[in-house]
Full PDB file with SEQRES, HELIX, SHEET, SSBOND, CRYST1, ORIGX, SCALE, CONECT and MASTER records, all heavy atoms in Angstrom:
SEQRES   1 A   44  ALA ASP ILE ALA ALA LEU SER SER LEU GLN ARG ARG LEU          
SEQRES   2 A   44  LEU GLU ARG ALA VAL ALA LEU THR ARG PRO GLY GLY ILE          
SEQRES   3 A   44  LEU VAL TYR CYS THR CYS SER LEU GLU PRO GLU GLU GLY          
SEQRES   4 A   44  VAL ASP VAL VAL ALA                                          
HELIX    1 AA1 ASP A    2  ALA A   19  1                                  18    
HELIX    2 AA2 PRO A   36  GLU A   38  5                                   3    
HELIX    3 AA3 VAL A   40  VAL A   43  1                                   4    
CRYST1    1.000    1.000    1.000  90.00  90.00  90.00 P 1           1          
ORIGX1      1.000000  0.000000  0.000000        0.00000                         
ORIGX2      0.000000  1.000000  0.000000        0.00000                         
ORIGX3      0.000000  0.000000  1.000000        0.00000                         
SCALE1      1.000000  0.000000  0.000000        0.00000                         
SCALE2      0.000000  1.000000  0.000000        0.00000                         
SCALE3      0.000000  0.000000  1.000000        0.00000                         
ATOM      1  N   ALA A   1    -167.818   8.328-132.292  1.00  0.00           N  
ATOM      2  CA  ALA A   1    -168.086   6.886-132.344  1.00  0.00           C  
ATOM      3  C   ALA A   1    -169.484   6.582-132.766  1.00  0.00           C  
ATOM      4  O   ALA A   1    -169.875   5.700-133.517  1.00  0.00           O  
ATOM      5  CB  ALA A   1    -167.660   6.197-131.124  1.00  0.00           C  
ATOM      6  N   ASP A   2    -170.389   7.436-132.184  1.00  0.00           N  
ATOM      7  CA  ASP A   2    -171.866   7.239-132.558  1.00  0.00           C  
ATOM      8  C   ASP A   2    -172.113   7.405-134.075  1.00  0.00           C  
ATOM      9  O   ASP A   2    -172.904   6.673-134.651  1.00  0.00           O  
ATOM     10  CB  ASP A   2    -172.731   8.241-131.825  1.00  0.00           C  
ATOM     11  CG  ASP A   2    -172.654   8.128-130.410  1.00  0.00           C  
ATOM     12  OD1 ASP A   2    -172.662   6.966-129.937  1.00  0.00           O  
ATOM     13  OD2 ASP A   2    -172.666   9.056-129.584  1.00  0.00           O  
ATOM     14  N   ILE A   3    -171.389   8.359-134.677  1.00  0.00           N  
ATOM     15  CA  ILE A   3    -171.530   8.668-136.090  1.00  0.00           C  
ATOM     16  C   ILE A   3    -171.110   7.418-136.911  1.00  0.00           C  
ATOM     17  O   ILE A   3    -171.725   7.018-137.928  1.00  0.00           O  
ATOM     18  CB  ILE A   3    -170.844   9.889-136.557  1.00  0.00           C  
ATOM     19  CG1 ILE A   3    -171.422  11.123-135.847  1.00  0.00           C  
ATOM     20  CG2 ILE A   3    -170.795   9.964-138.048  1.00  0.00           C  
ATOM     21  CD1 ILE A   3    -170.611  12.424-135.949  1.00  0.00           C  
ATOM     22  N   ALA A   4    -170.043   6.852-136.560  1.00  0.00           N  
ATOM     23  CA  ALA A   4    -169.556   5.685-137.302  1.00  0.00           C  
ATOM     24  C   ALA A   4    -170.493   4.442-137.136  1.00  0.00           C  
ATOM     25  O   ALA A   4    -170.801   3.773-138.202  1.00  0.00           O  
ATOM     26  CB  ALA A   4    -168.174   5.199-136.757  1.00  0.00           C  
ATOM     27  N   ALA A   5    -170.973   4.302-135.940  1.00  0.00           N  
ATOM     28  CA  ALA A   5    -171.951   3.077-135.759  1.00  0.00           C  
ATOM     29  C   ALA A   5    -173.234   3.342-136.523  1.00  0.00           C  
ATOM     30  O   ALA A   5    -173.778   2.422-137.146  1.00  0.00           O  
ATOM     31  CB  ALA A   5    -172.197   2.993-134.249  1.00  0.00           C  
ATOM     32  N   LEU A   6    -173.664   4.630-136.524  1.00  0.00           N  
ATOM     33  CA  LEU A   6    -174.922   4.957-137.181  1.00  0.00           C  
ATOM     34  C   LEU A   6    -174.845   4.790-138.724  1.00  0.00           C  
ATOM     35  O   LEU A   6    -175.711   4.396-139.441  1.00  0.00           O  
ATOM     36  CB  LEU A   6    -175.400   6.307-136.839  1.00  0.00           C  
ATOM     37  CG  LEU A   6    -176.051   6.310-135.386  1.00  0.00           C  
ATOM     38  CD1 LEU A   6    -176.080   7.737-134.884  1.00  0.00           C  
ATOM     39  CD2 LEU A   6    -177.473   5.769-135.283  1.00  0.00           C  
ATOM     40  N   SER A   7    -173.616   5.090-139.254  1.00  0.00           N  
ATOM     41  CA  SER A   7    -173.423   5.039-140.664  1.00  0.00           C  
ATOM     42  C   SER A   7    -173.576   3.558-141.135  1.00  0.00           C  
ATOM     43  O   SER A   7    -174.108   3.378-142.218  1.00  0.00           O  
ATOM     44  CB  SER A   7    -172.001   5.558-140.895  1.00  0.00           C  
ATOM     45  OG  SER A   7    -171.714   5.400-142.394  1.00  0.00           O  
ATOM     46  N   SER A   8    -173.061   2.699-140.393  1.00  0.00           N  
ATOM     47  CA  SER A   8    -173.221   1.246-140.733  1.00  0.00           C  
ATOM     48  C   SER A   8    -174.677   0.845-140.699  1.00  0.00           C  
ATOM     49  O   SER A   8    -175.115   0.209-141.735  1.00  0.00           O  
ATOM     50  CB  SER A   8    -172.550   0.395-139.721  1.00  0.00           C  
ATOM     51  OG  SER A   8    -172.719  -1.017-139.981  1.00  0.00           O  
ATOM     52  N   LEU A   9    -175.436   1.277-139.737  1.00  0.00           N  
ATOM     53  CA  LEU A   9    -176.845   1.098-139.813  1.00  0.00           C  
ATOM     54  C   LEU A   9    -177.655   1.626-140.951  1.00  0.00           C  
ATOM     55  O   LEU A   9    -178.508   1.045-141.597  1.00  0.00           O  
ATOM     56  CB  LEU A   9    -177.463   1.538-138.510  1.00  0.00           C  
ATOM     57  CG  LEU A   9    -179.005   1.489-138.382  1.00  0.00           C  
ATOM     58  CD1 LEU A   9    -179.515   0.102-138.496  1.00  0.00           C  
ATOM     59  CD2 LEU A   9    -179.516   2.228-137.014  1.00  0.00           C  
ATOM     60  N   GLN A  10    -177.172   2.850-141.237  1.00  0.00           N  
ATOM     61  CA  GLN A  10    -177.936   3.544-142.334  1.00  0.00           C  
ATOM     62  C   GLN A  10    -177.658   2.825-143.699  1.00  0.00           C  
ATOM     63  O   GLN A  10    -178.582   2.751-144.506  1.00  0.00           O  
ATOM     64  CB  GLN A  10    -177.328   5.003-142.484  1.00  0.00           C  
ATOM     65  CG  GLN A  10    -177.806   5.954-141.396  1.00  0.00           C  
ATOM     66  CD  GLN A  10    -176.800   6.869-140.955  1.00  0.00           C  
ATOM     67  OE1 GLN A  10    -175.742   7.121-141.621  1.00  0.00           O  
ATOM     68  NE2 GLN A  10    -177.073   7.556-139.775  1.00  0.00           N  
ATOM     69  N   ARG A  11    -176.488   2.140-143.935  1.00  0.00           N  
ATOM     70  CA  ARG A  11    -176.247   1.478-145.119  1.00  0.00           C  
ATOM     71  C   ARG A  11    -177.153   0.202-145.222  1.00  0.00           C  
ATOM     72  O   ARG A  11    -177.647  -0.068-146.317  1.00  0.00           O  
ATOM     73  CB  ARG A  11    -174.722   1.080-145.199  1.00  0.00           C  
ATOM     74  CG  ARG A  11    -173.856   2.302-145.578  1.00  0.00           C  
ATOM     75  CD  ARG A  11    -172.389   1.953-145.372  1.00  0.00           C  
ATOM     76  NE  ARG A  11    -171.475   2.820-146.102  1.00  0.00           N  
ATOM     77  CZ  ARG A  11    -171.233   4.134-145.790  1.00  0.00           C  
ATOM     78  NH1 ARG A  11    -171.794   4.588-144.572  1.00  0.00           N  
ATOM     79  NH2 ARG A  11    -170.453   4.860-146.381  1.00  0.00           N  
ATOM     80  N   ARG A  12    -177.291  -0.426-144.092  1.00  0.00           N  
ATOM     81  CA  ARG A  12    -178.177  -1.596-144.082  1.00  0.00           C  
ATOM     82  C   ARG A  12    -179.605  -1.284-144.346  1.00  0.00           C  
ATOM     83  O   ARG A  12    -180.359  -1.838-145.065  1.00  0.00           O  
ATOM     84  CB  ARG A  12    -178.046  -2.318-142.791  1.00  0.00           C  
ATOM     85  CG  ARG A  12    -176.715  -2.935-142.419  1.00  0.00           C  
ATOM     86  CD  ARG A  12    -176.676  -4.024-141.408  1.00  0.00           C  
ATOM     87  NE  ARG A  12    -177.470  -3.553-140.129  1.00  0.00           N  
ATOM     88  CZ  ARG A  12    -176.888  -2.939-139.090  1.00  0.00           C  
ATOM     89  NH1 ARG A  12    -175.593  -2.672-139.301  1.00  0.00           N  
ATOM     90  NH2 ARG A  12    -177.554  -2.685-138.013  1.00  0.00           N  
ATOM     91  N   LEU A  13    -180.118  -0.129-143.763  1.00  0.00           N  
ATOM     92  CA  LEU A  13    -181.419   0.313-143.993  1.00  0.00           C  
ATOM     93  C   LEU A  13    -181.643   0.763-145.392  1.00  0.00           C  
ATOM     94  O   LEU A  13    -182.789   0.495-146.009  1.00  0.00           O  
ATOM     95  CB  LEU A  13    -181.765   1.481-143.051  1.00  0.00           C  
ATOM     96  CG  LEU A  13    -181.964   1.146-141.646  1.00  0.00           C  
ATOM     97  CD1 LEU A  13    -181.953   2.383-140.644  1.00  0.00           C  
ATOM     98  CD2 LEU A  13    -183.247   0.407-141.389  1.00  0.00           C  
ATOM     99  N   LEU A  14    -180.705   1.423-146.076  1.00  0.00           N  
ATOM    100  CA  LEU A  14    -180.876   1.833-147.358  1.00  0.00           C  
ATOM    101  C   LEU A  14    -180.866   0.645-148.347  1.00  0.00           C  
ATOM    102  O   LEU A  14    -181.636   0.676-149.325  1.00  0.00           O  
ATOM    103  CB  LEU A  14    -179.671   2.828-147.746  1.00  0.00           C  
ATOM    104  CG  LEU A  14    -179.733   3.466-149.190  1.00  0.00           C  
ATOM    105  CD1 LEU A  14    -181.157   4.148-149.339  1.00  0.00           C  
ATOM    106  CD2 LEU A  14    -178.608   4.440-149.382  1.00  0.00           C  
ATOM    107  N   GLU A  15    -180.181  -0.359-148.092  1.00  0.00           N  
ATOM    108  CA  GLU A  15    -180.169  -1.599-148.882  1.00  0.00           C  
ATOM    109  C   GLU A  15    -181.635  -2.207-148.884  1.00  0.00           C  
ATOM    110  O   GLU A  15    -182.090  -2.608-149.805  1.00  0.00           O  
ATOM    111  CB  GLU A  15    -179.203  -2.644-148.483  1.00  0.00           C  
ATOM    112  CG  GLU A  15    -177.703  -2.253-148.759  1.00  0.00           C  
ATOM    113  CD  GLU A  15    -176.710  -3.218-148.337  1.00  0.00           C  
ATOM    114  OE1 GLU A  15    -177.199  -4.307-147.795  1.00  0.00           O  
ATOM    115  OE2 GLU A  15    -175.552  -3.096-148.501  1.00  0.00           O  
ATOM    116  N   ARG A  16    -182.247  -2.241-147.634  1.00  0.00           N  
ATOM    117  CA  ARG A  16    -183.527  -2.725-147.474  1.00  0.00           C  
ATOM    118  C   ARG A  16    -184.532  -1.872-148.239  1.00  0.00           C  
ATOM    119  O   ARG A  16    -185.503  -2.310-148.894  1.00  0.00           O  
ATOM    120  CB  ARG A  16    -183.978  -2.874-146.079  1.00  0.00           C  
ATOM    121  CG  ARG A  16    -185.264  -3.482-145.818  1.00  0.00           C  
ATOM    122  CD  ARG A  16    -185.233  -4.905-145.626  1.00  0.00           C  
ATOM    123  NE  ARG A  16    -184.895  -5.651-146.726  1.00  0.00           N  
ATOM    124  CZ  ARG A  16    -185.668  -6.290-147.617  1.00  0.00           C  
ATOM    125  NH1 ARG A  16    -186.976  -6.227-147.326  1.00  0.00           N  
ATOM    126  NH2 ARG A  16    -185.270  -7.101-148.523  1.00  0.00           N  
ATOM    127  N   ALA A  17    -184.350  -0.588-148.195  1.00  0.00           N  
ATOM    128  CA  ALA A  17    -185.290   0.401-148.781  1.00  0.00           C  
ATOM    129  C   ALA A  17    -185.180   0.239-150.354  1.00  0.00           C  
ATOM    130  O   ALA A  17    -186.289   0.283-151.040  1.00  0.00           O  
ATOM    131  CB  ALA A  17    -184.842   1.785-148.465  1.00  0.00           C  
ATOM    132  N   VAL A  18    -184.046  -0.065-150.905  1.00  0.00           N  
ATOM    133  CA  VAL A  18    -183.850  -0.301-152.258  1.00  0.00           C  
ATOM    134  C   VAL A  18    -184.621  -1.624-152.658  1.00  0.00           C  
ATOM    135  O   VAL A  18    -185.458  -1.631-153.704  1.00  0.00           O  
ATOM    136  CB  VAL A  18    -182.361  -0.541-152.734  1.00  0.00           C  
ATOM    137  CG1 VAL A  18    -182.220  -1.029-154.073  1.00  0.00           C  
ATOM    138  CG2 VAL A  18    -181.695   0.873-152.566  1.00  0.00           C  
ATOM    139  N   ALA A  19    -184.495  -2.651-151.838  1.00  0.00           N  
ATOM    140  CA  ALA A  19    -185.344  -3.867-152.167  1.00  0.00           C  
ATOM    141  C   ALA A  19    -186.899  -3.613-152.113  1.00  0.00           C  
ATOM    142  O   ALA A  19    -187.512  -4.418-152.729  1.00  0.00           O  
ATOM    143  CB  ALA A  19    -184.863  -4.909-151.153  1.00  0.00           C  
ATOM    144  N   LEU A  20    -187.245  -2.658-151.299  1.00  0.00           N  
ATOM    145  CA  LEU A  20    -188.690  -2.371-151.182  1.00  0.00           C  
ATOM    146  C   LEU A  20    -189.232  -1.460-152.214  1.00  0.00           C  
ATOM    147  O   LEU A  20    -190.349  -1.134-152.252  1.00  0.00           O  
ATOM    148  CB  LEU A  20    -188.970  -1.803-149.777  1.00  0.00           C  
ATOM    149  CG  LEU A  20    -188.811  -2.787-148.557  1.00  0.00           C  
ATOM    150  CD1 LEU A  20    -188.788  -1.978-147.256  1.00  0.00           C  
ATOM    151  CD2 LEU A  20    -189.874  -3.765-148.595  1.00  0.00           C  
ATOM    152  N   THR A  21    -188.380  -0.982-153.055  1.00  0.00           N  
ATOM    153  CA  THR A  21    -188.773  -0.046-154.200  1.00  0.00           C  
ATOM    154  C   THR A  21    -188.911  -0.795-155.419  1.00  0.00           C  
ATOM    155  O   THR A  21    -188.022  -1.504-155.834  1.00  0.00           O  
ATOM    156  CB  THR A  21    -187.788   1.071-154.253  1.00  0.00           C  
ATOM    157  OG1 THR A  21    -187.550   1.645-153.052  1.00  0.00           O  
ATOM    158  CG2 THR A  21    -188.268   2.101-155.328  1.00  0.00           C  
ATOM    159  N   ARG A  22    -190.033  -0.727-156.128  1.00  0.00           N  
ATOM    160  CA  ARG A  22    -190.330  -1.397-157.298  1.00  0.00           C  
ATOM    161  C   ARG A  22    -189.407  -0.827-158.478  1.00  0.00           C  
ATOM    162  O   ARG A  22    -188.992   0.415-158.357  1.00  0.00           O  
ATOM    163  CB  ARG A  22    -191.773  -1.304-157.806  1.00  0.00           C  
ATOM    164  CG  ARG A  22    -192.222   0.012-158.192  1.00  0.00           C  
ATOM    165  CD  ARG A  22    -193.606   0.059-158.895  1.00  0.00           C  
ATOM    166  NE  ARG A  22    -194.032   1.327-159.171  1.00  0.00           N  
ATOM    167  CZ  ARG A  22    -193.664   1.980-160.225  1.00  0.00           C  
ATOM    168  NH1 ARG A  22    -192.740   1.609-160.998  1.00  0.00           N  
ATOM    169  NH2 ARG A  22    -194.221   3.261-160.499  1.00  0.00           N  
ATOM    170  N   PRO A  23    -189.075  -1.475-159.482  1.00  0.00           N  
ATOM    171  CA  PRO A  23    -188.427  -0.969-160.643  1.00  0.00           C  
ATOM    172  C   PRO A  23    -189.192   0.257-161.178  1.00  0.00           C  
ATOM    173  O   PRO A  23    -190.400   0.123-161.393  1.00  0.00           O  
ATOM    174  CB  PRO A  23    -188.385  -2.086-161.597  1.00  0.00           C  
ATOM    175  CG  PRO A  23    -188.407  -3.271-160.817  1.00  0.00           C  
ATOM    176  CD  PRO A  23    -189.253  -3.010-159.652  1.00  0.00           C  
ATOM    177  N   GLY A  24    -188.463   1.364-161.395  1.00  0.00           N  
ATOM    178  CA  GLY A  24    -189.244   2.518-161.873  1.00  0.00           C  
ATOM    179  C   GLY A  24    -189.793   3.431-160.686  1.00  0.00           C  
ATOM    180  O   GLY A  24    -190.131   4.536-160.868  1.00  0.00           O  
ATOM    181  N   GLY A  25    -189.809   2.774-159.514  1.00  0.00           N  
ATOM    182  CA  GLY A  25    -190.304   3.563-158.332  1.00  0.00           C  
ATOM    183  C   GLY A  25    -189.246   4.591-157.849  1.00  0.00           C  
ATOM    184  O   GLY A  25    -188.059   4.641-158.320  1.00  0.00           O  
ATOM    185  N   ILE A  26    -189.622   5.400-156.853  1.00  0.00           N  
ATOM    186  CA  ILE A  26    -188.735   6.470-156.285  1.00  0.00           C  
ATOM    187  C   ILE A  26    -188.485   6.175-154.873  1.00  0.00           C  
ATOM    188  O   ILE A  26    -189.386   5.879-154.054  1.00  0.00           O  
ATOM    189  CB  ILE A  26    -189.456   7.814-156.517  1.00  0.00           C  
ATOM    190  CG1 ILE A  26    -189.552   8.170-157.984  1.00  0.00           C  
ATOM    191  CG2 ILE A  26    -188.671   8.876-155.758  1.00  0.00           C  
ATOM    192  CD1 ILE A  26    -190.261   9.470-158.220  1.00  0.00           C  
ATOM    193  N   LEU A  27    -187.183   6.320-154.467  1.00  0.00           N  
ATOM    194  CA  LEU A  27    -186.806   6.225-153.118  1.00  0.00           C  
ATOM    195  C   LEU A  27    -186.123   7.541-152.634  1.00  0.00           C  
ATOM    196  O   LEU A  27    -185.233   8.057-153.400  1.00  0.00           O  
ATOM    197  CB  LEU A  27    -185.677   5.010-152.995  1.00  0.00           C  
ATOM    198  CG  LEU A  27    -184.864   5.000-151.855  1.00  0.00           C  
ATOM    199  CD1 LEU A  27    -185.578   4.781-150.486  1.00  0.00           C  
ATOM    200  CD2 LEU A  27    -183.819   3.819-152.006  1.00  0.00           C  
ATOM    201  N   VAL A  28    -186.507   8.069-151.519  1.00  0.00           N  
ATOM    202  CA  VAL A  28    -185.865   9.241-150.909  1.00  0.00           C  
ATOM    203  C   VAL A  28    -185.095   8.770-149.652  1.00  0.00           C  
ATOM    204  O   VAL A  28    -185.860   8.276-148.745  1.00  0.00           O  
ATOM    205  CB  VAL A  28    -186.870  10.357-150.698  1.00  0.00           C  
ATOM    206  CG1 VAL A  28    -186.190  11.399-149.833  1.00  0.00           C  
ATOM    207  CG2 VAL A  28    -187.304  10.924-152.082  1.00  0.00           C  
ATOM    208  N   TYR A  29    -183.814   8.940-149.586  1.00  0.00           N  
ATOM    209  CA  TYR A  29    -183.074   8.701-148.359  1.00  0.00           C  
ATOM    210  C   TYR A  29    -182.769   9.958-147.750  1.00  0.00           C  
ATOM    211  O   TYR A  29    -182.284  10.988-148.332  1.00  0.00           O  
ATOM    212  CB  TYR A  29    -181.851   7.936-148.670  1.00  0.00           C  
ATOM    213  CG  TYR A  29    -180.838   7.825-147.611  1.00  0.00           C  
ATOM    214  CD1 TYR A  29    -180.932   6.955-146.594  1.00  0.00           C  
ATOM    215  CD2 TYR A  29    -179.741   8.814-147.462  1.00  0.00           C  
ATOM    216  CE1 TYR A  29    -180.108   6.820-145.553  1.00  0.00           C  
ATOM    217  CE2 TYR A  29    -178.936   8.733-146.364  1.00  0.00           C  
ATOM    218  CZ  TYR A  29    -179.072   7.766-145.387  1.00  0.00           C  
ATOM    219  OH  TYR A  29    -178.159   7.642-144.403  1.00  0.00           O  
ATOM    220  N   CYS A  30    -183.011  10.156-146.432  1.00  0.00           N  
ATOM    221  CA  CYS A  30    -182.728  11.486-145.711  1.00  0.00           C  
ATOM    222  C   CYS A  30    -182.268  11.177-144.289  1.00  0.00           C  
ATOM    223  O   CYS A  30    -182.650  10.106-143.651  1.00  0.00           O  
ATOM    224  CB  CYS A  30    -183.875  12.355-145.789  1.00  0.00           C  
ATOM    225  SG  CYS A  30    -185.365  11.864-144.830  1.00  0.00           S  
ATOM    226  N   THR A  31    -181.540  12.035-143.778  1.00  0.00           N  
ATOM    227  CA  THR A  31    -181.197  12.141-142.401  1.00  0.00           C  
ATOM    228  C   THR A  31    -181.056  13.563-141.928  1.00  0.00           C  
ATOM    229  O   THR A  31    -180.856  14.528-142.712  1.00  0.00           O  
ATOM    230  CB  THR A  31    -179.825  11.495-141.988  1.00  0.00           C  
ATOM    231  OG1 THR A  31    -178.787  12.262-142.751  1.00  0.00           O  
ATOM    232  CG2 THR A  31    -179.664  10.067-142.505  1.00  0.00           C  
ATOM    233  N   CYS A  32    -181.309  13.721-140.615  1.00  0.00           N  
ATOM    234  CA  CYS A  32    -181.225  15.122-139.971  1.00  0.00           C  
ATOM    235  C   CYS A  32    -179.858  15.369-139.426  1.00  0.00           C  
ATOM    236  O   CYS A  32    -179.696  15.776-138.245  1.00  0.00           O  
ATOM    237  CB  CYS A  32    -182.325  15.358-138.952  1.00  0.00           C  
ATOM    238  SG  CYS A  32    -182.404  14.212-137.597  1.00  0.00           S  
ATOM    239  N   SER A  33    -178.866  14.908-140.133  1.00  0.00           N  
ATOM    240  CA  SER A  33    -177.403  14.999-139.694  1.00  0.00           C  
ATOM    241  C   SER A  33    -176.708  15.932-140.670  1.00  0.00           C  
ATOM    242  O   SER A  33    -176.946  16.135-141.850  1.00  0.00           O  
ATOM    243  CB  SER A  33    -176.850  13.695-139.753  1.00  0.00           C  
ATOM    244  OG  SER A  33    -175.480  13.736-139.618  1.00  0.00           O  
ATOM    245  N   LEU A  34    -175.667  16.607-139.982  1.00  0.00           N  
ATOM    246  CA  LEU A  34    -174.799  17.561-140.826  1.00  0.00           C  
ATOM    247  C   LEU A  34    -173.623  16.775-141.208  1.00  0.00           C  
ATOM    248  O   LEU A  34    -172.653  17.338-141.980  1.00  0.00           O  
ATOM    249  CB  LEU A  34    -174.314  18.658-139.972  1.00  0.00           C  
ATOM    250  CG  LEU A  34    -175.392  19.659-139.470  1.00  0.00           C  
ATOM    251  CD1 LEU A  34    -174.934  20.693-138.535  1.00  0.00           C  
ATOM    252  CD2 LEU A  34    -176.108  20.321-140.728  1.00  0.00           C  
ATOM    253  N   GLU A  35    -173.485  15.483-140.913  1.00  0.00           N  
ATOM    254  CA  GLU A  35    -172.168  14.727-141.145  1.00  0.00           C  
ATOM    255  C   GLU A  35    -172.252  14.055-142.491  1.00  0.00           C  
ATOM    256  O   GLU A  35    -173.209  13.280-142.695  1.00  0.00           O  
ATOM    257  CB  GLU A  35    -171.961  13.768-139.916  1.00  0.00           C  
ATOM    258  CG  GLU A  35    -172.279  14.384-138.517  1.00  0.00           C  
ATOM    259  CD  GLU A  35    -171.588  15.658-138.377  1.00  0.00           C  
ATOM    260  OE1 GLU A  35    -170.494  15.870-138.704  1.00  0.00           O  
ATOM    261  OE2 GLU A  35    -172.421  16.518-137.838  1.00  0.00           O  
ATOM    262  N   PRO A  36    -171.186  14.182-143.319  1.00  0.00           N  
ATOM    263  CA  PRO A  36    -171.176  13.553-144.594  1.00  0.00           C  
ATOM    264  C   PRO A  36    -171.255  12.006-144.490  1.00  0.00           C  
ATOM    265  O   PRO A  36    -171.860  11.356-145.370  1.00  0.00           O  
ATOM    266  CB  PRO A  36    -169.875  13.989-145.231  1.00  0.00           C  
ATOM    267  CG  PRO A  36    -169.010  14.510-144.105  1.00  0.00           C  
ATOM    268  CD  PRO A  36    -169.952  15.000-142.994  1.00  0.00           C  
ATOM    269  N   GLU A  37    -170.730  11.385-143.461  1.00  0.00           N  
ATOM    270  CA  GLU A  37    -170.711   9.957-143.230  1.00  0.00           C  
ATOM    271  C   GLU A  37    -172.159   9.461-143.186  1.00  0.00           C  
ATOM    272  O   GLU A  37    -172.320   8.245-143.423  1.00  0.00           O  
ATOM    273  CB  GLU A  37    -169.895   9.517-142.034  1.00  0.00           C  
ATOM    274  CG  GLU A  37    -168.506   9.771-142.070  1.00  0.00           C  
ATOM    275  CD  GLU A  37    -168.196  11.139-141.346  1.00  0.00           C  
ATOM    276  OE1 GLU A  37    -168.998  12.080-141.499  1.00  0.00           O  
ATOM    277  OE2 GLU A  37    -167.117  11.272-140.699  1.00  0.00           O  
ATOM    278  N   GLU A  38    -173.121  10.221-142.823  1.00  0.00           N  
ATOM    279  CA  GLU A  38    -174.474   9.769-142.685  1.00  0.00           C  
ATOM    280  C   GLU A  38    -175.401  10.191-143.774  1.00  0.00           C  
ATOM    281  O   GLU A  38    -176.655   9.991-143.901  1.00  0.00           O  
ATOM    282  CB  GLU A  38    -175.066  10.323-141.294  1.00  0.00           C  
ATOM    283  CG  GLU A  38    -174.238   9.940-140.047  1.00  0.00           C  
ATOM    284  CD  GLU A  38    -174.885  10.451-138.853  1.00  0.00           C  
ATOM    285  OE1 GLU A  38    -174.608  11.526-138.404  1.00  0.00           O  
ATOM    286  OE2 GLU A  38    -175.729   9.683-138.300  1.00  0.00           O  
ATOM    287  N   GLY A  39    -174.824  10.853-144.820  1.00  0.00           N  
ATOM    288  CA  GLY A  39    -175.567  11.489-145.885  1.00  0.00           C  
ATOM    289  C   GLY A  39    -174.949  11.141-147.218  1.00  0.00           C  
ATOM    290  O   GLY A  39    -175.136  10.034-147.794  1.00  0.00           O  
ATOM    291  N   VAL A  40    -174.136  12.100-147.715  1.00  0.00           N  
ATOM    292  CA  VAL A  40    -173.629  11.884-149.038  1.00  0.00           C  
ATOM    293  C   VAL A  40    -172.755  10.644-149.223  1.00  0.00           C  
ATOM    294  O   VAL A  40    -172.756   9.970-150.233  1.00  0.00           O  
ATOM    295  CB  VAL A  40    -172.848  13.147-149.453  1.00  0.00           C  
ATOM    296  CG1 VAL A  40    -171.771  13.474-148.610  1.00  0.00           C  
ATOM    297  CG2 VAL A  40    -172.458  13.126-150.935  1.00  0.00           C  
ATOM    298  N   ASP A  41    -172.087  10.226-148.118  1.00  0.00           N  
ATOM    299  CA  ASP A  41    -171.134   9.107-148.268  1.00  0.00           C  
ATOM    300  C   ASP A  41    -171.998   7.727-148.280  1.00  0.00           C  
ATOM    301  O   ASP A  41    -171.626   6.930-149.037  1.00  0.00           O  
ATOM    302  CB  ASP A  41    -170.293   9.076-147.042  1.00  0.00           C  
ATOM    303  CG  ASP A  41    -169.172  10.143-147.125  1.00  0.00           C  
ATOM    304  OD1 ASP A  41    -169.133  10.924-148.043  1.00  0.00           O  
ATOM    305  OD2 ASP A  41    -168.406  10.227-146.113  1.00  0.00           O  
ATOM    306  N   VAL A  42    -173.072   7.780-147.572  1.00  0.00           N  
ATOM    307  CA  VAL A  42    -174.057   6.635-147.630  1.00  0.00           C  
ATOM    308  C   VAL A  42    -174.508   6.450-149.072  1.00  0.00           C  
ATOM    309  O   VAL A  42    -174.544   5.255-149.605  1.00  0.00           O  
ATOM    310  CB  VAL A  42    -175.104   6.715-146.601  1.00  0.00           C  
ATOM    311  CG1 VAL A  42    -176.082   5.567-146.753  1.00  0.00           C  
ATOM    312  CG2 VAL A  42    -174.495   6.697-145.223  1.00  0.00           C  
ATOM    313  N   VAL A  43    -174.962   7.418-149.713  1.00  0.00           N  
ATOM    314  CA  VAL A  43    -175.599   7.354-150.990  1.00  0.00           C  
ATOM    315  C   VAL A  43    -174.477   7.056-152.079  1.00  0.00           C  
ATOM    316  O   VAL A  43    -174.763   6.245-152.969  1.00  0.00           O  
ATOM    317  CB  VAL A  43    -176.290   8.652-151.376  1.00  0.00           C  
ATOM    318  CG1 VAL A  43    -176.778   8.676-152.809  1.00  0.00           C  
ATOM    319  CG2 VAL A  43    -177.518   8.879-150.420  1.00  0.00           C  
ATOM    320  N   ALA A  44    -173.271   7.660-151.900  1.00  0.00           N  
ATOM    321  CA  ALA A  44    -172.193   7.363-152.858  1.00  0.00           C  
ATOM    322  C   ALA A  44    -171.795   5.905-152.774  1.00  0.00           C  
ATOM    323  O   ALA A  44    -171.568   5.290-153.825  1.00  0.00           O  
ATOM    324  CB  ALA A  44    -171.049   8.331-152.604  1.00  0.00           C  
TER     325      ALA A  44                                                      
MASTER        0    0    0    3    0    0    0    6  324    1    0    4          
END                                                                             
């Protein structure tokens, strides 16, 4: 259940990070998780 709740938070944070990146700028999203719901699924 923690993983599902955190995944929702990660999506919100990533949206804000995109807004804080200028056009042409670089954004790196990372987590110290082994779970796809917190990594590749968020980016996809």
